[in-house]
Structure formats: structure tokens, C-alpha cells
PDB file of N, CA and C in Angstrom:
ATOM      1  N   MET A   1       7.226  -0.722  20.646  1.00  0.00           N
ATOM      2  CA  MET A   1       6.033  -0.646  19.847  1.00  0.00           C
ATOM      3  C   MET A   1       5.794  -1.611  18.809  1.00  0.00           C
ATOM      4  N   ILE A   2       6.832  -2.795  18.837  1.00  0.00           N
ATOM      5  CA  ILE A   2       6.831  -3.719  17.743  1.00  0.00           C
ATOM      6  C   ILE A   2       5.590  -4.723  18.516  1.00  0.00           C
ATOM      7  N   GLY A   3       4.709  -5.189  17.171  1.00  0.00           N
ATOM      8  CA  GLY A   3       3.692  -5.958  17.552  1.00  0.00           C
ATOM      9  C   GLY A   3       2.279  -5.362  17.741  1.00  0.00           C
ATOM     10  N   TYR A   4       2.549  -3.910  17.845  1.00  0.00           N
ATOM     11  CA  TYR A   4       1.199  -3.362  17.796  1.00  0.00           C
ATOM     12  C   TYR A   4       0.478  -3.177  16.090  1.00  0.00           C
ATOM     13  N   THR A   5      -0.677  -2.777  16.072  1.00  0.00           N
ATOM     14  CA  THR A   5      -1.141  -2.151  15.128  1.00  0.00           C
ATOM     15  C   THR A   5      -1.898  -1.088  15.095  1.00  0.00           C
ATOM     16  N   ILE A   6      -1.214  -0.067  14.029  1.00  0.00           N
ATOM     17  CA  ILE A   6      -1.777   1.450  14.219  1.00  0.00           C
ATOM     18  C   ILE A   6      -2.320   1.778  13.073  1.00  0.00           C
ATOM     19  N   ASN A   7      -3.277   2.555  13.069  1.00  0.00           N
ATOM     20  CA  ASN A   7      -4.387   2.955  12.009  1.00  0.00           C
ATOM     21  C   ASN A   7      -3.324   4.073  11.002  1.00  0.00           C
ATOM     22  N   VAL A   8      -2.789   4.430  10.144  1.00  0.00           N
ATOM     23  CA  VAL A   8      -2.254   5.617   9.614  1.00  0.00           C
ATOM     24  C   VAL A   8      -3.181   6.125   8.033  1.00  0.00           C
ATOM     25  N   HIS A   9      -3.689   7.501   8.299  1.00  0.00           N
ATOM     26  CA  HIS A   9      -4.350   7.715   7.303  1.00  0.00           C
ATOM     27  C   HIS A   9      -3.714   8.021   5.997  1.00  0.00           C
ATOM     28  N   ASN A  10      -4.027   7.394   4.874  1.00  0.00           N
ATOM     29  CA  ASN A  10      -3.549   7.759   3.550  1.00  0.00           C
ATOM     30  C   ASN A  10      -4.112   8.927   3.025  1.00  0.00           C
ATOM     31  N   GLY A  11      -4.617   9.695   3.149  1.00  0.00           N
ATOM     32  CA  GLY A  11      -5.377  10.744   2.575  1.00  0.00           C
ATOM     33  C   GLY A  11      -6.830  10.557   2.220  1.00  0.00           C
ATOM     34  N   LYS A  12      -7.583   9.423   2.343  1.00  0.00           N
ATOM     35  CA  LYS A  12      -8.723   9.051   1.958  1.00  0.00           C
ATOM     36  C   LYS A  12      -9.305   8.395   3.303  1.00  0.00           C
ATOM     37  N   THR A  13      -8.457   7.078   3.720  1.00  0.00           N
ATOM     38  CA  THR A  13      -9.330   6.269   4.850  1.00  0.00           C
ATOM     39  C   THR A  13      -7.985   5.741   5.658  1.00  0.00           C
ATOM     40  N   PHE A  14      -8.106   5.152   6.682  1.00  0.00           N
ATOM     41  CA  PHE A  14      -7.417   4.722   7.663  1.00  0.00           C
ATOM     42  C   PHE A  14      -7.183   3.207   7.432  1.00  0.00           C
ATOM     43  N   VAL A  15      -5.382   3.324   7.613  1.00  0.00           N
ATOM     44  CA  VAL A  15      -5.167   1.762   6.890  1.00  0.00           C
ATOM     45  C   VAL A  15      -4.395   1.425   7.930  1.00  0.00           C
ATOM     46  N   ALA A  16      -4.585  -0.071   8.484  1.00  0.00           N
ATOM     47  CA  ALA A  16      -4.058  -0.890   9.560  1.00  0.00           C
ATOM     48  C   ALA A  16      -2.565  -1.342   9.085  1.00  0.00           C
ATOM     49  N   VAL A  17      -1.860  -0.700   9.906  1.00  0.00           N
ATOM     50  CA  VAL A  17      -0.446  -0.961   9.730  1.00  0.00           C
ATOM     51  C   VAL A  17       0.375  -1.968  10.903  1.00  0.00           C
ATOM     52  N   TYR A  18       0.397  -3.105  10.743  1.00  0.00           N
ATOM     53  CA  TYR A  18       0.961  -3.803  11.694  1.00  0.00           C
ATOM     54  C   TYR A  18       2.777  -3.633  11.848  1.00  0.00           C
ATOM     55  N   ILE A  19       3.314  -3.202  13.042  1.00  0.00           N
ATOM     56  CA  ILE A  19       4.450  -2.917  13.240  1.00  0.00           C
ATOM     57  C   ILE A  19       5.651  -4.039  13.292  1.00  0.00           C
ATOM     58  N   GLN A  20       6.283  -4.000  12.742  1.00  0.00           N
ATOM     59  CA  GLN A  20       7.501  -5.475  12.480  1.00  0.00           C
ATOM     60  C   GLN A  20       8.615  -4.857  13.004  1.00  0.00           C
ATOM     61  N   GLU A  21       9.806  -5.876  12.907  1.00  0.00           N
ATOM     62  CA  GLU A  21      11.041  -5.364  13.496  1.00  0.00           C
ATOM     63  C   GLU A  21      11.889  -4.564  12.358  1.00  0.00           C
ATOM     64  N   ASN A  22      11.458  -4.770  11.134  1.00  0.00           N
ATOM     65  CA  ASN A  22      12.122  -4.476   9.928  1.00  0.00           C
ATOM     66  C   ASN A  22      11.572  -3.162   9.631  1.00  0.00           C
ATOM     67  N   MET A  23      10.472  -2.666  10.297  1.00  0.00           N
ATOM     68  CA  MET A  23      10.030  -1.299   9.955  1.00  0.00           C
ATOM     69  C   MET A  23      10.650  -0.374  11.054  1.00  0.00           C
ATOM     70  N   ILE A  24      11.597  -0.639  11.388  1.00  0.00           N
ATOM     71  CA  ILE A  24      12.028   0.521  12.557  1.00  0.00           C
ATOM     72  C   ILE A  24      12.895   1.230  11.905  1.00  0.00           C
ATOM     73  N   GLY A  25      12.811   2.697  12.235  1.00  0.00           N
ATOM     74  CA  GLY A  25      13.691   3.514  11.490  1.00  0.00           C
ATOM     75  C   GLY A  25      13.108   4.205  10.317  1.00  0.00           C
ATOM     76  N   HIS A  26      11.836   3.490   9.893  1.00  0.00           N
ATOM     77  CA  HIS A  26      11.031   4.030   8.865  1.00  0.00           C
ATOM     78  C   HIS A  26       9.685   4.803   9.087  1.00  0.00           C
ATOM     79  N   LYS A  27       9.341   5.988   8.380  1.00  0.00           N
ATOM     80  CA  LYS A  27       8.149   6.388   8.557  1.00  0.00           C
ATOM     81  C   LYS A  27       6.585   5.820   8.496  1.00  0.00           C
ATOM     82  N   LEU A  28       5.916   6.113   9.385  1.00  0.00           N
ATOM     83  CA  LEU A  28       4.866   4.990   9.066  1.00  0.00           C
ATOM     84  C   LEU A  28       3.950   5.152   7.901  1.00  0.00           C
ATOM     85  N   GLY A  29       4.323   6.326   7.091  1.00  0.00           N
ATOM     86  CA  GLY A  29       3.444   6.825   5.874  1.00  0.00           C
ATOM     87  C   GLY A  29       3.799   5.767   4.976  1.00  0.00           C
ATOM     88  N   GLU A  30       5.165   5.388   4.669  1.00  0.00           N
ATOM     89  CA  GLU A  30       5.917   4.488   3.746  1.00  0.00           C
ATOM     90  C   GLU A  30       5.036   3.025   3.794  1.00  0.00           C
ATOM     91  N   PHE A  31       3.990   3.161   4.600  1.00  0.00           N
ATOM     92  CA  PHE A  31       3.302   1.557   4.756  1.00  0.00           C
ATOM     93  C   PHE A  31       2.111   1.753   4.465  1.00  0.00           C
ATOM     94  N   ALA A  32       1.409   2.976   3.958  1.00  0.00           N
ATOM     95  CA  ALA A  32       0.204   3.310   3.779  1.00  0.00           C
ATOM     96  C   ALA A  32       0.233   3.811   2.284  1.00  0.00           C
ATOM     97  N   PRO A  33      -0.182   2.669   1.573  1.00  0.00           N
ATOM     98  CA  PRO A  33      -0.089   3.541  -0.110  1.00  0.00           C
ATOM     99  C   PRO A  33      -1.324   4.245  -0.288  1.00  0.00           C
ATOM    100  N   THR A  34      -0.886   5.499  -0.928  1.00  0.00           N
ATOM    101  CA  THR A  34      -2.258   6.283  -1.248  1.00  0.00           C
ATOM    102  C   THR A  34      -2.583   6.308  -2.772  1.00  0.00           C
ATOM    103  N   ARG A  35      -2.269   5.580  -3.732  1.00  0.00           N
ATOM    104  CA  ARG A  35      -2.537   5.311  -4.879  1.00  0.00           C
ATOM    105  C   ARG A  35      -2.923   4.263  -5.330  1.00  0.00           C
ATOM    106  N   THR A  36      -3.998   3.894  -5.977  1.00  0.00           N
ATOM    107  CA  THR A  36      -4.445   2.205  -6.256  1.00  0.00           C
ATOM    108  C   THR A  36      -3.838   1.938  -7.722  1.00  0.00           C
ATOM    109  N   PHE A  37      -3.312   0.656  -7.728  1.00  0.00           N
ATOM    110  CA  PHE A  37      -2.625   0.217  -8.768  1.00  0.00           C
ATOM    111  C   PHE A  37      -4.039  -0.231  -9.791  1.00  0.00           C
ATOM    112  N   ARG A  38      -4.154  -0.008 -10.589  1.00  0.00           N
ATOM    113  CA  ARG A  38      -5.403  -0.459 -11.539  1.00  0.00           C
ATOM    114  C   ARG A  38      -4.652  -1.521 -12.709  1.00  0.00           C
ATOM    115  N   SER A  39      -3.419  -1.728 -12.689  1.00  0.00           N
ATOM    116  CA  SER A  39      -2.915  -2.281 -13.785  1.00  0.00           C
ATOM    117  C   SER A  39      -2.794  -1.868 -15.179  1.00  0.00           C
ATOM    118  N   HIS A  40      -1.587  -2.289 -15.977  1.00  0.00           N
ATOM    119  CA  HIS A  40      -1.544  -1.685 -17.126  1.00  0.00           C
ATOM    120  C   HIS A  40      -2.318  -2.048 -18.113  1.00  0.00           C
ATOM    121  N   ALA A  41      -2.653  -1.497 -19.622  1.00  0.00           N
ATOM    122  CA  ALA A  41      -3.464  -2.277 -20.282  1.00  0.00           C
ATOM    123  C   ALA A  41      -3.172  -3.554 -21.274  1.00  0.00           C
ATOM    124  N   GLY A  42      -3.693  -4.289 -21.105  1.00  0.00           N
ATOM    125  CA  GLY A  42      -3.489  -5.355 -21.718  1.00  0.00           C
ATOM    126  C   GLY A  42      -3.508  -5.589 -23.500  1.00  0.00           C
ATOM    127  N   ALA A  43      -3.036  -6.292 -24.136  1.00  0.00           N
ATOM    128  CA  ALA A  43      -3.117  -6.360 -25.652  1.00  0.00           C
ATOM    129  C   ALA A  43      -4.879  -6.411 -25.991  1.00  0.00           C
ATOM    130  N   SER A  44      -4.881  -5.866 -26.860  1.00  0.00           N
ATOM    131  CA  SER A  44      -6.489  -5.774 -27.193  1.00  0.00           C
ATOM    132  C   SER A  44      -6.974  -7.085 -27.904  1.00  0.00           C
ATOM    133  N   LYS A  45      -8.074  -7.599 -28.219  1.00  0.00           N
ATOM    134  CA  LYS A  45      -8.269  -8.944 -28.611  1.00  0.00           C
ATOM    135  C   LYS A  45      -8.189  -8.627 -30.303  1.00  0.00           C
ATOM    136  N   VAL A  46      -8.341  -7.575 -30.622  1.00  0.00           N
ATOM    137  CA  VAL A  46      -8.354  -7.350 -32.038  1.00  0.00           C
ATOM    138  C   VAL A  46      -6.830  -7.377 -32.546  1.00  0.00           C
ATOM    139  N   ALA A  47      -5.706  -7.097 -31.840  1.00  0.00           N
ATOM    140  CA  ALA A  47      -4.480  -6.834 -32.066  1.00  0.00           C
ATOM    141  C   ALA A  47      -3.839  -8.465 -32.106  1.00  0.00           C
ATOM    142  N   LYS A  48      -4.388  -9.530 -31.643  1.00  0.00           N
ATOM    143  CA  LYS A  48      -3.851 -11.023 -31.433  1.00  0.00           C
ATOM    144  C   LYS A  48      -4.425 -11.810 -32.284  1.00  0.00           C
ATOM    145  N   LYS A  49      -5.073 -11.325 -33.599  1.00  0.00           N
ATOM    146  CA  LYS A  49      -5.186 -11.863 -34.769  1.00  0.00           C
ATOM    147  C   LYS A  49      -4.153 -12.283 -35.472  1.00  0.00           C
TER     148      LYS A  49
END
């Protein structure tokens, strides 16, 4: 199965996961992120004075 691309459902859409040798022994869901990171809030412009 190494070298194949498999679609894994993350709860909303299917994510293409390319199987590599270092992924053996893991579950496919570990490579399909379920949450989007929107970054932490930066310092506001008012506070920079």
C-alpha cells in the first residue's frame, strides 16, 4: 500500500492522504485533520503605542 493515495473522511470532506513508509503502524485518521487552525489573536494596534 506504500505509494498509494487514499481519501480519508475527516467528518466534513474527504482528504487525500499519500501513504509513505513512516506512516506504517498508524491509523489513517491521524493524517486527516478535523479542525482548522485560525491562528491566535495578535496584539492590537492600540496596544502598540
